[in-house]
């Protein structure tokens, strides 16, 4: 079995992999960001390909059976016709559950206590002990739009802090199987939400929230999913958190909601341009926390170890003919 690794190496995992009998390993220096063409002789006989972005000449891999990607999002696989080619694909779901869930909690605390204004007061030597800086999270209602690994770990932390958890999931909430999770995290049995809403109940879900957290992937269906109707359905005291993907929220609707105070504020870690231009209005809102896509990334300290753990576990499963962790369906790979 030939394994092509087009990904930053985790040395302990690679050393273990080299001891597996019957494996031929080809290491390729990974690209910085975008796909590029790779010398066909190095990849054409690959059985397994481990990468972030497939090469532009991926079609030369006639023997390819399985592709592991190093991201949770999988838009880079759209249009590759992997199911028609008989190629299975798995993603890095679970690697970022912990850091992004912790970002969600941190942002809720910062928003409800208005830490941005407190820091401005500190810099201006203003002594202001107003009640607005002393509010609590306990008893608030957080709504998770999507209930994958990030949503489930956020729910676990939120429940520990005394929040009520509402979930909107297209097909409801069920136990998860064959999904990578860090031990002790998440909600594998799907028992934590206080209320669960399904497709068609979006406005009912939104109207009672103190916080809306987006926890779903960017697909053809979810792009622009949150617009004027949805933002107006939220209470005016609600905050919106987006650690998912910027374009899930329509940009103009978000700007209008902030300007006209349909919502109390937002925490945004995913954006409409990378990097966001310095003259973009989202930088200037006093009630917006704006972070540069750092809630969870390949620079997270545990990312590489967790990613290679997924790959190693999946390689064992692949060799035994067992279900793979984080396997993407044909519908997902088509962008549905």
C-alpha atoms as a PDB file:
ATOM      1  CA  UNK A   1       0.000   0.000   0.000  1.00  0.00           C
ATOM      2  CA  UNK A   2       1.498   3.342  -1.046  1.00  0.00           C
ATOM      3  CA  UNK A   3       0.777   6.259   1.288  1.00  0.00           C
ATOM      4  CA  UNK A   4       1.523   9.767   0.047  1.00  0.00           C
ATOM      5  CA  UNK A   5       1.803  12.332   2.843  1.00  0.00           C
ATOM      6  CA  UNK A   6       1.482  15.911   1.638  1.00  0.00           C
ATOM      7  CA  UNK A   7       1.219  17.289   5.152  1.00  0.00           C
ATOM      8  CA  UNK A   8       3.398  18.634   7.972  1.00  0.00           C
ATOM      9  CA  UNK A   9       4.902  15.658   9.778  1.00  0.00           C
ATOM     10  CA  UNK A  10       4.303  14.637  13.388  1.00  0.00           C
ATOM     11  CA  UNK A  11       7.506  12.698  13.994  1.00  0.00           C
ATOM     12  CA  UNK A  12       6.268  10.190  16.627  1.00  0.00           C
ATOM     13  CA  UNK A  13       3.310   9.177  14.476  1.00  0.00           C
ATOM     14  CA  UNK A  14       5.448   8.965  11.342  1.00  0.00           C
ATOM     15  CA  UNK A  15       7.991   6.779  13.150  1.00  0.00           C
ATOM     16  CA  UNK A  16       5.209   4.398  14.188  1.00  0.00           C
ATOM     17  CA  UNK A  17       3.833   4.376  10.655  1.00  0.00           C
ATOM     18  CA  UNK A  18       7.209   3.418   9.186  1.00  0.00           C
ATOM     19  CA  UNK A  19       7.125   0.235  11.283  1.00  0.00           C
ATOM     20  CA  UNK A  20       3.901  -0.968   9.662  1.00  0.00           C
ATOM     21  CA  UNK A  21       4.658  -3.833   7.316  1.00  0.00           C
ATOM     22  CA  UNK A  22       3.609  -3.482   3.688  1.00  0.00           C
ATOM     23  CA  UNK A  23       3.477   0.330   3.662  1.00  0.00           C
ATOM     24  CA  UNK A  24       5.441   2.447   1.204  1.00  0.00           C
ATOM     25  CA  UNK A  25       5.564   6.082   2.328  1.00  0.00           C
ATOM     26  CA  UNK A  26       6.153   9.066   0.022  1.00  0.00           C
ATOM     27  CA  UNK A  27       6.677  12.394   1.809  1.00  0.00           C
ATOM     28  CA  UNK A  28       5.938  15.590  -0.102  1.00  0.00           C
ATOM     29  CA  UNK A  29       6.660  19.073   1.180  1.00  0.00           C
ATOM     30  CA  UNK A  30       3.195  20.562   1.812  1.00  0.00           C
ATOM     31  CA  UNK A  31       2.187  23.813   0.083  1.00  0.00           C
ATOM     32  CA  UNK A  32       1.655  27.003   2.009  1.00  0.00           C
ATOM     33  CA  UNK A  33      -2.019  27.375   1.108  1.00  0.00           C
ATOM     34  CA  UNK A  34      -3.237  26.618  -2.397  1.00  0.00           C
ATOM     35  CA  UNK A  35      -3.205  23.439  -4.458  1.00  0.00           C
ATOM     36  CA  UNK A  36      -0.402  22.934  -6.932  1.00  0.00           C
ATOM     37  CA  UNK A  37       0.611  20.312  -9.431  1.00  0.00           C
ATOM     38  CA  UNK A  38       2.821  17.488  -8.166  1.00  0.00           C
ATOM     39  CA  UNK A  39       5.126  15.401 -10.283  1.00  0.00           C
ATOM     40  CA  UNK A  40       2.848  12.582 -11.530  1.00  0.00           C
ATOM     41  CA  UNK A  41       5.424   9.847 -10.885  1.00  0.00           C
ATOM     42  CA  UNK A  42       5.299  10.612  -7.152  1.00  0.00           C
ATOM     43  CA  UNK A  43       1.537  10.281  -6.756  1.00  0.00           C
ATOM     44  CA  UNK A  44       0.058   8.265  -9.629  1.00  0.00           C
ATOM     45  CA  UNK A  45       0.230   4.928  -7.784  1.00  0.00           C
ATOM     46  CA  UNK A  46      -0.954   6.261  -4.404  1.00  0.00           C
ATOM     47  CA  UNK A  47      -3.518   4.166  -2.537  1.00  0.00           C
ATOM     48  CA  UNK A  48      -3.847   6.712   0.295  1.00  0.00           C
ATOM     49  CA  UNK A  49      -3.336  10.476   0.129  1.00  0.00           C
ATOM     50  CA  UNK A  50      -2.970  12.629   3.285  1.00  0.00           C
ATOM     51  CA  UNK A  51      -3.124  16.369   2.588  1.00  0.00           C
ATOM     52  CA  UNK A  52      -4.825  19.666   3.278  1.00  0.00           C
ATOM     53  CA  UNK A  53      -5.564  20.540  -0.342  1.00  0.00           C
ATOM     54  CA  UNK A  54      -5.431  17.920  -3.124  1.00  0.00           C
ATOM     55  CA  UNK A  55      -3.012  18.614  -5.988  1.00  0.00           C
ATOM     56  CA  UNK A  56      -4.412  20.153  -9.145  1.00  0.00           C
ATOM     57  CA  UNK A  57      -3.488  16.975 -11.047  1.00  0.00           C
ATOM     58  CA  UNK A  58      -5.299  14.704  -8.585  1.00  0.00           C
ATOM     59  CA  UNK A  59      -6.865  12.791 -11.491  1.00  0.00           C
ATOM     60  CA  UNK A  60      -3.558  11.014 -12.175  1.00  0.00           C
ATOM     61  CA  UNK A  61      -4.083   9.013  -8.979  1.00  0.00           C
ATOM     62  CA  UNK A  62      -5.911   6.166 -10.675  1.00  0.00           C
ATOM     63  CA  UNK A  63      -5.374   3.741  -7.776  1.00  0.00           C
ATOM     64  CA  UNK A  64      -6.477   6.136  -5.032  1.00  0.00           C
ATOM     65  CA  UNK A  65      -8.857   4.559  -2.502  1.00  0.00           C
ATOM     66  CA  UNK A  66      -8.925   6.998   0.399  1.00  0.00           C
ATOM     67  CA  UNK A  67      -8.036  10.653   1.003  1.00  0.00           C
ATOM     68  CA  UNK A  68      -7.549  12.118   4.478  1.00  0.00           C
ATOM     69  CA  UNK A  69      -7.663  15.917   4.660  1.00  0.00           C
ATOM     70  CA  UNK A  70      -6.237  18.064   7.445  1.00  0.00           C
ATOM     71  CA  UNK A  71      -9.191  20.429   7.781  1.00  0.00           C
ATOM     72  CA  UNK A  72     -12.695  20.165   9.150  1.00  0.00           C
ATOM     73  CA  UNK A  73     -14.117  22.112   6.219  1.00  0.00           C
ATOM     74  CA  UNK A  74     -14.060  20.165   2.968  1.00  0.00           C
ATOM     75  CA  UNK A  75     -14.971  22.633   0.237  1.00  0.00           C
ATOM     76  CA  UNK A  76     -11.594  21.846  -1.384  1.00  0.00           C
ATOM     77  CA  UNK A  77     -13.033  18.425  -2.279  1.00  0.00           C
ATOM     78  CA  UNK A  78     -16.054  19.784  -4.148  1.00  0.00           C
ATOM     79  CA  UNK A  79     -15.972  19.002  -7.840  1.00  0.00           C
ATOM     80  CA  UNK A  80     -13.360  16.228  -7.594  1.00  0.00           C
ATOM     81  CA  UNK A  81     -15.982  13.495  -8.203  1.00  0.00           C
ATOM     82  CA  UNK A  82     -14.430  11.346  -5.488  1.00  0.00           C
ATOM     83  CA  UNK A  83     -17.497   9.095  -4.935  1.00  0.00           C
ATOM     84  CA  UNK A  84     -17.767   8.409  -8.694  1.00  0.00           C
ATOM     85  CA  UNK A  85     -14.086   7.473  -8.683  1.00  0.00           C
ATOM     86  CA  UNK A  86     -14.588   5.125  -5.736  1.00  0.00           C
ATOM     87  CA  UNK A  87     -12.472   7.301  -3.450  1.00  0.00           C
ATOM     88  CA  UNK A  88     -13.425   7.648   0.195  1.00  0.00           C
ATOM     89  CA  UNK A  89     -12.672  10.894   2.033  1.00  0.00           C
ATOM     90  CA  UNK A  90     -12.291  11.756   5.708  1.00  0.00           C
ATOM     91  CA  UNK A  91     -11.759  15.113   7.389  1.00  0.00           C
ATOM     92  CA  UNK A  92     -10.150  16.421  10.572  1.00  0.00           C
ATOM     93  CA  UNK A  93     -13.356  16.784  12.568  1.00  0.00           C
ATOM     94  CA  UNK A  94     -12.569  16.735  16.269  1.00  0.00           C
ATOM     95  CA  UNK A  95      -9.165  18.430  16.091  1.00  0.00           C
ATOM     96  CA  UNK A  96     -10.604  21.855  16.858  1.00  0.00           C
ATOM     97  CA  UNK A  97     -13.538  20.992  19.131  1.00  0.00           C
ATOM     98  CA  UNK A  98     -11.679  22.002  22.297  1.00  0.00           C
ATOM     99  CA  UNK A  99     -10.046  25.300  21.239  1.00  0.00           C
ATOM    100  CA  UNK A 100     -13.085  26.595  19.343  1.00  0.00           C
ATOM    101  CA  UNK A 101     -15.480  25.651  22.150  1.00  0.00           C
ATOM    102  CA  UNK A 102     -13.208  27.480  24.590  1.00  0.00           C
ATOM    103  CA  UNK A 103     -13.178  30.494  22.244  1.00  0.00           C
ATOM    104  CA  UNK A 104     -16.979  30.412  22.288  1.00  0.00           C
ATOM    105  CA  UNK A 105     -17.071  30.477  26.089  1.00  0.00           C
ATOM    106  CA  UNK A 106     -14.413  33.203  26.256  1.00  0.00           C
ATOM    107  CA  UNK A 107     -16.315  35.366  23.778  1.00  0.00           C
ATOM    108  CA  UNK A 108     -19.599  34.979  25.669  1.00  0.00           C
ATOM    109  CA  UNK A 109     -17.898  36.087  28.892  1.00  0.00           C
ATOM    110  CA  UNK A 110     -16.210  39.008  27.143  1.00  0.00           C
ATOM    111  CA  UNK A 111     -19.395  40.125  25.420  1.00  0.00           C
ATOM    112  CA  UNK A 112     -21.696  39.881  28.414  1.00  0.00           C
ATOM    113  CA  UNK A 113     -19.206  41.760  30.626  1.00  0.00           C
ATOM    114  CA  UNK A 114     -18.366  44.229  27.819  1.00  0.00           C
ATOM    115  CA  UNK A 115     -14.632  43.650  28.252  1.00  0.00           C
ATOM    116  CA  UNK A 116     -13.890  45.759  25.195  1.00  0.00           C
ATOM    117  CA  UNK A 117     -15.271  48.838  26.959  1.00  0.00           C
ATOM    118  CA  UNK A 118     -13.515  47.956  30.202  1.00  0.00           C
ATOM    119  CA  UNK A 119     -10.197  47.831  28.350  1.00  0.00           C
ATOM    120  CA  UNK A 120     -10.930  51.166  26.670  1.00  0.00           C
ATOM    121  CA  UNK A 121     -11.732  52.573  30.129  1.00  0.00           C
ATOM    122  CA  UNK A 122      -8.441  51.244  31.464  1.00  0.00           C
ATOM    123  CA  UNK A 123      -6.488  52.840  28.624  1.00  0.00           C
ATOM    124  CA  UNK A 124      -8.256  56.176  29.254  1.00  0.00           C
ATOM    125  CA  UNK A 125      -7.952  55.898  33.078  1.00  0.00           C
ATOM    126  CA  UNK A 126     -11.751  55.935  33.432  1.00  0.00           C
ATOM    127  CA  UNK A 127     -13.165  54.514  36.691  1.00  0.00           C
ATOM    128  CA  UNK A 128     -16.612  53.112  35.793  1.00  0.00           C
ATOM    129  CA  UNK A 129     -18.249  50.409  37.929  1.00  0.00           C
ATOM    130  CA  UNK A 130     -21.555  50.304  36.009  1.00  0.00           C
ATOM    131  CA  UNK A 131     -23.805  47.262  36.323  1.00  0.00           C
ATOM    132  CA  UNK A 132     -23.331  46.508  32.616  1.00  0.00           C
ATOM    133  CA  UNK A 133     -19.846  45.229  33.444  1.00  0.00           C
ATOM    134  CA  UNK A 134     -21.123  42.865  36.137  1.00  0.00           C
ATOM    135  CA  UNK A 135     -23.598  40.639  34.315  1.00  0.00           C
ATOM    136  CA  UNK A 136     -23.496  36.833  34.564  1.00  0.00           C
ATOM    137  CA  UNK A 137     -23.691  34.022  32.043  1.00  0.00           C
ATOM    138  CA  UNK A 138     -25.456  31.620  34.374  1.00  0.00           C
ATOM    139  CA  UNK A 139     -29.110  31.174  33.399  1.00  0.00           C
ATOM    140  CA  UNK A 140     -28.642  32.573  29.884  1.00  0.00           C
ATOM    141  CA  UNK A 141     -29.746  30.619  26.813  1.00  0.00           C
ATOM    142  CA  UNK A 142     -27.175  29.758  24.170  1.00  0.00           C
ATOM    143  CA  UNK A 143     -28.364  28.519  20.794  1.00  0.00           C
ATOM    144  CA  UNK A 144     -26.120  26.257  18.745  1.00  0.00           C
ATOM    145  CA  UNK A 145     -26.977  26.250  15.043  1.00  0.00           C
ATOM    146  CA  UNK A 146     -25.408  22.908  14.182  1.00  0.00           C
ATOM    147  CA  UNK A 147     -24.452  20.141  16.581  1.00  0.00           C
ATOM    148  CA  UNK A 148     -21.244  18.572  15.399  1.00  0.00           C
ATOM    149  CA  UNK A 149     -18.149  18.219  17.532  1.00  0.00           C
ATOM    150  CA  UNK A 150     -17.685  21.940  18.172  1.00  0.00           C
ATOM    151  CA  UNK A 151     -21.333  22.386  19.087  1.00  0.00           C
ATOM    152  CA  UNK A 152     -21.260  19.379  21.416  1.00  0.00           C
ATOM    153  CA  UNK A 153     -18.130  20.471  23.262  1.00  0.00           C
ATOM    154  CA  UNK A 154     -19.533  24.013  23.558  1.00  0.00           C
ATOM    155  CA  UNK A 155     -22.734  22.528  24.978  1.00  0.00           C
ATOM    156  CA  UNK A 156     -20.759  20.518  27.549  1.00  0.00           C
ATOM    157  CA  UNK A 157     -18.868  23.588  28.763  1.00  0.00           C
ATOM    158  CA  UNK A 158     -21.990  25.770  28.722  1.00  0.00           C
ATOM    159  CA  UNK A 159     -23.979  23.309  30.814  1.00  0.00           C
ATOM    160  CA  UNK A 160     -21.163  23.223  33.377  1.00  0.00           C
ATOM    161  CA  UNK A 161     -21.516  27.000  33.666  1.00  0.00           C
ATOM    162  CA  UNK A 162     -25.265  26.893  34.189  1.00  0.00           C
ATOM    163  CA  UNK A 163     -26.440  27.983  30.742  1.00  0.00           C
ATOM    164  CA  UNK A 164     -29.457  26.548  28.986  1.00  0.00           C
ATOM    165  CA  UNK A 165     -28.586  24.962  25.649  1.00  0.00           C
ATOM    166  CA  UNK A 166     -30.874  25.045  22.621  1.00  0.00           C
ATOM    167  CA  UNK A 167     -29.839  23.297  19.424  1.00  0.00           C
ATOM    168  CA  UNK A 168     -31.004  23.661  15.832  1.00  0.00           C
ATOM    169  CA  UNK A 169     -29.956  20.632  13.809  1.00  0.00           C
ATOM    170  CA  UNK A 170     -31.406  19.754  10.420  1.00  0.00           C
ATOM    171  CA  UNK A 171     -32.238  16.178  11.419  1.00  0.00           C
ATOM    172  CA  UNK A 172     -32.378  16.544  15.185  1.00  0.00           C
ATOM    173  CA  UNK A 173     -29.812  15.274  17.690  1.00  0.00           C
ATOM    174  CA  UNK A 174     -28.674  11.670  17.851  1.00  0.00           C
ATOM    175  CA  UNK A 175     -25.693   9.757  19.254  1.00  0.00           C
ATOM    176  CA  UNK A 176     -22.594   9.986  17.086  1.00  0.00           C
ATOM    177  CA  UNK A 177     -20.555   7.024  15.950  1.00  0.00           C
ATOM    178  CA  UNK A 178     -17.251   6.763  14.081  1.00  0.00           C
ATOM    179  CA  UNK A 179     -16.385  10.399  14.760  1.00  0.00           C
ATOM    180  CA  UNK A 180     -13.095  11.421  16.320  1.00  0.00           C
ATOM    181  CA  UNK A 181     -13.360  13.171  19.683  1.00  0.00           C
ATOM    182  CA  UNK A 182     -10.809  14.066  22.319  1.00  0.00           C
ATOM    183  CA  UNK A 183     -11.498  11.726  25.265  1.00  0.00           C
ATOM    184  CA  UNK A 184     -13.818  13.238  27.852  1.00  0.00           C
ATOM    185  CA  UNK A 185     -15.142  15.977  25.595  1.00  0.00           C
ATOM    186  CA  UNK A 186     -18.387  16.643  23.760  1.00  0.00           C
ATOM    187  CA  UNK A 187     -21.779  15.000  23.964  1.00  0.00           C
ATOM    188  CA  UNK A 188     -21.428  11.662  22.145  1.00  0.00           C
ATOM    189  CA  UNK A 189     -24.875  10.434  23.170  1.00  0.00           C
ATOM    190  CA  UNK A 190     -26.664  13.694  22.343  1.00  0.00           C
ATOM    191  CA  UNK A 191     -28.245  14.144  25.779  1.00  0.00           C
ATOM    192  CA  UNK A 192     -27.169  17.659  26.803  1.00  0.00           C
ATOM    193  CA  UNK A 193     -29.513  20.050  24.924  1.00  0.00           C
ATOM    194  CA  UNK A 194     -32.461  21.439  26.865  1.00  0.00           C
ATOM    195  CA  UNK A 195     -34.403  21.899  23.614  1.00  0.00           C
ATOM    196  CA  UNK A 196     -33.853  20.646  20.079  1.00  0.00           C
ATOM    197  CA  UNK A 197     -35.240  22.326  16.964  1.00  0.00           C
ATOM    198  CA  UNK A 198     -35.292  20.969  13.409  1.00  0.00           C
ATOM    199  CA  UNK A 199     -35.467  22.413   9.916  1.00  0.00           C
ATOM    200  CA  UNK A 200     -38.509  24.659   9.569  1.00  0.00           C
ATOM    201  CA  UNK A 201     -38.303  25.801  13.212  1.00  0.00           C
ATOM    202  CA  UNK A 202     -35.551  28.373  12.747  1.00  0.00           C
ATOM    203  CA  UNK A 203     -37.530  31.416  13.930  1.00  0.00           C
ATOM    204  CA  UNK A 204     -38.812  29.599  17.003  1.00  0.00           C
ATOM    205  CA  UNK A 205     -35.219  28.622  17.784  1.00  0.00           C
ATOM    206  CA  UNK A 206     -33.905  32.186  17.439  1.00  0.00           C
ATOM    207  CA  UNK A 207     -36.490  34.210  19.314  1.00  0.00           C
ATOM    208  CA  UNK A 208     -35.520  33.202  22.870  1.00  0.00           C
ATOM    209  CA  UNK A 209     -31.714  33.241  22.633  1.00  0.00           C
ATOM    210  CA  UNK A 210     -29.167  35.306  24.518  1.00  0.00           C
ATOM    211  CA  UNK A 211     -26.349  33.979  22.321  1.00  0.00           C
ATOM    212  CA  UNK A 212     -26.414  32.467  18.839  1.00  0.00           C
ATOM    213  CA  UNK A 213     -23.350  30.396  17.956  1.00  0.00           C
ATOM    214  CA  UNK A 214     -22.848  29.135  14.423  1.00  0.00           C
ATOM    215  CA  UNK A 215     -21.417  25.608  14.485  1.00  0.00           C
ATOM    216  CA  UNK A 216     -22.031  24.292  10.984  1.00  0.00           C
ATOM    217  CA  UNK A 217     -19.904  23.947   7.839  1.00  0.00           C
ATOM    218  CA  UNK A 218     -19.995  26.221   4.815  1.00  0.00           C
ATOM    219  CA  UNK A 219     -21.782  24.452   1.974  1.00  0.00           C
ATOM    220  CA  UNK A 220     -23.937  25.466  -0.980  1.00  0.00           C
ATOM    221  CA  UNK A 221     -26.914  25.263   1.376  1.00  0.00           C
ATOM    222  CA  UNK A 222     -25.458  27.178   4.330  1.00  0.00           C
ATOM    223  CA  UNK A 223     -23.850  30.035   2.399  1.00  0.00           C
ATOM    224  CA  UNK A 224     -25.942  33.108   3.197  1.00  0.00           C
ATOM    225  CA  UNK A 225     -28.116  31.073   5.549  1.00  0.00           C
ATOM    226  CA  UNK A 226     -28.298  33.878   8.120  1.00  0.00           C
ATOM    227  CA  UNK A 227     -29.819  37.039   6.711  1.00  0.00           C
ATOM    228  CA  UNK A 228     -32.124  39.880   7.677  1.00  0.00           C
ATOM    229  CA  UNK A 229     -35.020  37.592   8.633  1.00  0.00           C
ATOM    230  CA  UNK A 230     -32.905  35.509  11.001  1.00  0.00           C
ATOM    231  CA  UNK A 231     -31.060  38.427  12.605  1.00  0.00           C
ATOM    232  CA  UNK A 232     -34.296  40.313  13.196  1.00  0.00           C
ATOM    233  CA  UNK A 233     -35.778  37.216  14.838  1.00  0.00           C
ATOM    234  CA  UNK A 234     -33.175  37.381  17.609  1.00  0.00           C
ATOM    235  CA  UNK A 235     -33.903  39.433  20.732  1.00  0.00           C
ATOM    236  CA  UNK A 236     -32.205  42.820  20.665  1.00  0.00           C
ATOM    237  CA  UNK A 237     -30.103  41.836  23.672  1.00  0.00           C
ATOM    238  CA  UNK A 238     -28.689  38.747  21.865  1.00  0.00           C
ATOM    239  CA  UNK A 239     -25.104  38.333  20.699  1.00  0.00           C
ATOM    240  CA  UNK A 240     -23.974  36.439  17.584  1.00  0.00           C
ATOM    241  CA  UNK A 241     -20.787  34.352  17.547  1.00  0.00           C
ATOM    242  CA  UNK A 242     -19.334  33.058  14.288  1.00  0.00           C
ATOM    243  CA  UNK A 243     -16.352  30.702  14.557  1.00  0.00           C
ATOM    244  CA  UNK A 244     -17.686  28.692  11.572  1.00  0.00           C
ATOM    245  CA  UNK A 245     -17.341  30.511   8.239  1.00  0.00           C
ATOM    246  CA  UNK A 246     -17.925  34.187   7.477  1.00  0.00           C
ATOM    247  CA  UNK A 247     -20.224  33.796   4.438  1.00  0.00           C
ATOM    248  CA  UNK A 248     -22.778  31.780   6.432  1.00  0.00           C
ATOM    249  CA  UNK A 249     -23.990  35.234   7.515  1.00  0.00           C
ATOM    250  CA  UNK A 250     -24.888  37.655   4.745  1.00  0.00           C
ATOM    251  CA  UNK A 251     -22.422  40.498   5.123  1.00  0.00           C
ATOM    252  CA  UNK A 252     -24.779  43.403   4.487  1.00  0.00           C
ATOM    253  CA  UNK A 253     -27.412  41.936   6.799  1.00  0.00           C
ATOM    254  CA  UNK A 254     -24.825  41.647   9.591  1.00  0.00           C
ATOM    255  CA  UNK A 255     -23.629  45.223   9.087  1.00  0.00           C
ATOM    256  CA  UNK A 256     -27.195  46.516   9.133  1.00  0.00           C
ATOM    257  CA  UNK A 257     -28.021  44.485  12.240  1.00  0.00           C
ATOM    258  CA  UNK A 258     -25.073  46.034  14.067  1.00  0.00           C
ATOM    259  CA  UNK A 259     -25.726  49.573  12.846  1.00  0.00           C
ATOM    260  CA  UNK A 260     -29.454  49.473  13.623  1.00  0.00           C
ATOM    261  CA  UNK A 261     -29.004  47.493  16.846  1.00  0.00           C
ATOM    262  CA  UNK A 262     -31.125  44.476  15.915  1.00  0.00           C
ATOM    263  CA  UNK A 263     -28.573  42.588  18.033  1.00  0.00           C
ATOM    264  CA  UNK A 264     -26.399  43.615  20.983  1.00  0.00           C
ATOM    265  CA  UNK A 265     -23.094  42.721  19.357  1.00  0.00           C
ATOM    266  CA  UNK A 266     -21.002  39.949  17.872  1.00  0.00           C
ATOM    267  CA  UNK A 267     -17.791  37.958  18.121  1.00  0.00           C
ATOM    268  CA  UNK A 268     -16.383  37.073  14.708  1.00  0.00           C
ATOM    269  CA  UNK A 269     -13.459  34.767  14.048  1.00  0.00           C
ATOM    270  CA  UNK A 270     -14.258  33.937  10.411  1.00  0.00           C
ATOM    271  CA  UNK A 271     -14.535  36.574   7.742  1.00  0.00           C
ATOM    272  CA  UNK A 272     -15.427  37.641   4.217  1.00  0.00           C
ATOM    273  CA  UNK A 273     -11.870  38.379   3.052  1.00  0.00           C
ATOM    274  CA  UNK A 274      -8.485  37.137   4.235  1.00  0.00           C
ATOM    275  CA  UNK A 275      -7.048  39.310   5.569  1.00  0.00           C
ATOM    276  CA  UNK A 276      -9.907  41.704   6.142  1.00  0.00           C
ATOM    277  CA  UNK A 277      -9.001  45.139   4.704  1.00  0.00           C
ATOM    278  CA  UNK A 278      -8.225  47.776   7.363  1.00  0.00           C
ATOM    279  CA  UNK A 279     -11.016  50.042   6.146  1.00  0.00           C
ATOM    280  CA  UNK A 280     -13.724  47.396   6.537  1.00  0.00           C
ATOM    281  CA  UNK A 281     -16.497  48.655   8.870  1.00  0.00           C
ATOM    282  CA  UNK A 282     -16.466  45.532  11.035  1.00  0.00           C
ATOM    283  CA  UNK A 283     -13.178  46.665  12.570  1.00  0.00           C
ATOM    284  CA  UNK A 284     -14.837  49.764  13.996  1.00  0.00           C
ATOM    285  CA  UNK A 285     -17.917  48.573  15.873  1.00  0.00           C
ATOM    286  CA  UNK A 286     -17.396  49.027  19.633  1.00  0.00           C
ATOM    287  CA  UNK A 287     -19.609  46.002  20.366  1.00  0.00           C
ATOM    288  CA  UNK A 288     -17.795  43.562  18.051  1.00  0.00           C
ATOM    289  CA  UNK A 289     -14.875  41.347  19.020  1.00  0.00           C
ATOM    290  CA  UNK A 290     -12.906  40.688  15.864  1.00  0.00           C
ATOM    291  CA  UNK A 291     -10.309  37.894  15.901  1.00  0.00           C
ATOM    292  CA  UNK A 292      -8.216  36.771  12.880  1.00  0.00           C
ATOM    293  CA  UNK A 293      -9.423  33.160  12.530  1.00  0.00           C
ATOM    294  CA  UNK A 294      -7.487  31.906  15.558  1.00  0.00           C
ATOM    295  CA  UNK A 295     -10.229  30.078  17.480  1.00  0.00           C
ATOM    296  CA  UNK A 296      -8.788  26.887  16.024  1.00  0.00           C
ATOM    297  CA  UNK A 297      -6.122  26.536  13.346  1.00  0.00           C
ATOM    298  CA  UNK A 298      -3.132  24.456  12.330  1.00  0.00           C
ATOM    299  CA  UNK A 299      -1.098  26.571  14.778  1.00  0.00           C
ATOM    300  CA  UNK A 300      -3.125  25.305  17.751  1.00  0.00           C
ATOM    301  CA  UNK A 301      -0.639  23.474  20.013  1.00  0.00           C
ATOM    302  CA  UNK A 302      -2.424  20.104  19.908  1.00  0.00           C
ATOM    303  CA  UNK A 303      -3.536  20.204  16.274  1.00  0.00           C
ATOM    304  CA  UNK A 304      -0.753  18.167  14.691  1.00  0.00           C
ATOM    305  CA  UNK A 305      -0.893  15.406  17.308  1.00  0.00           C
ATOM    306  CA  UNK A 306      -4.686  15.088  17.007  1.00  0.00           C
ATOM    307  CA  UNK A 307      -4.631  15.196  13.212  1.00  0.00           C
ATOM    308  CA  UNK A 308      -2.062  12.427  13.000  1.00  0.00           C
ATOM    309  CA  UNK A 309      -3.986  10.429  15.584  1.00  0.00           C
ATOM    310  CA  UNK A 310      -7.026  10.558  13.303  1.00  0.00           C
ATOM    311  CA  UNK A 311      -4.916   9.495  10.331  1.00  0.00           C
ATOM    312  CA  UNK A 312      -3.225   6.669  12.254  1.00  0.00           C
ATOM    313  CA  UNK A 313      -6.503   5.340  13.638  1.00  0.00           C
ATOM    314  CA  UNK A 314      -8.071   5.546  10.191  1.00  0.00           C
ATOM    315  CA  UNK A 315      -5.134   3.766   8.587  1.00  0.00           C
ATOM    316  CA  UNK A 316      -5.659   0.858  10.984  1.00  0.00           C
ATOM    317  CA  UNK A 317      -9.383   0.840  10.223  1.00  0.00           C
ATOM    318  CA  UNK A 318      -8.738   1.077   6.484  1.00  0.00           C
ATOM    319  CA  UNK A 319      -6.374  -1.902   6.587  1.00  0.00           C
ATOM    320  CA  UNK A 320      -8.967  -3.959   8.498  1.00  0.00           C
ATOM    321  CA  UNK A 321     -11.873  -2.942   6.290  1.00  0.00           C
ATOM    322  CA  UNK A 322     -13.645  -1.175   9.167  1.00  0.00           C
ATOM    323  CA  UNK A 323     -15.649   2.084   9.061  1.00  0.00           C
ATOM    324  CA  UNK A 324     -13.424   5.149   8.951  1.00  0.00           C
ATOM    325  CA  UNK A 325     -13.588   8.025  11.424  1.00  0.00           C
ATOM    326  CA  UNK A 326     -15.056  11.262  10.051  1.00  0.00           C
ATOM    327  CA  UNK A 327     -15.979   9.773   6.676  1.00  0.00           C
ATOM    328  CA  UNK A 328     -17.723  12.244   4.383  1.00  0.00           C
ATOM    329  CA  UNK A 329     -20.830  11.115   2.524  1.00  0.00           C
ATOM    330  CA  UNK A 330     -21.409  11.463  -1.183  1.00  0.00           C
ATOM    331  CA  UNK A 331     -23.981  14.175  -0.416  1.00  0.00           C
ATOM    332  CA  UNK A 332     -21.466  16.133   1.650  1.00  0.00           C
ATOM    333  CA  UNK A 333     -18.839  15.851  -1.062  1.00  0.00           C
ATOM    334  CA  UNK A 334     -21.328  17.280  -3.538  1.00  0.00           C
ATOM    335  CA  UNK A 335     -21.822  20.320  -1.306  1.00  0.00           C
ATOM    336  CA  UNK A 336     -25.266  19.375   0.016  1.00  0.00           C
END
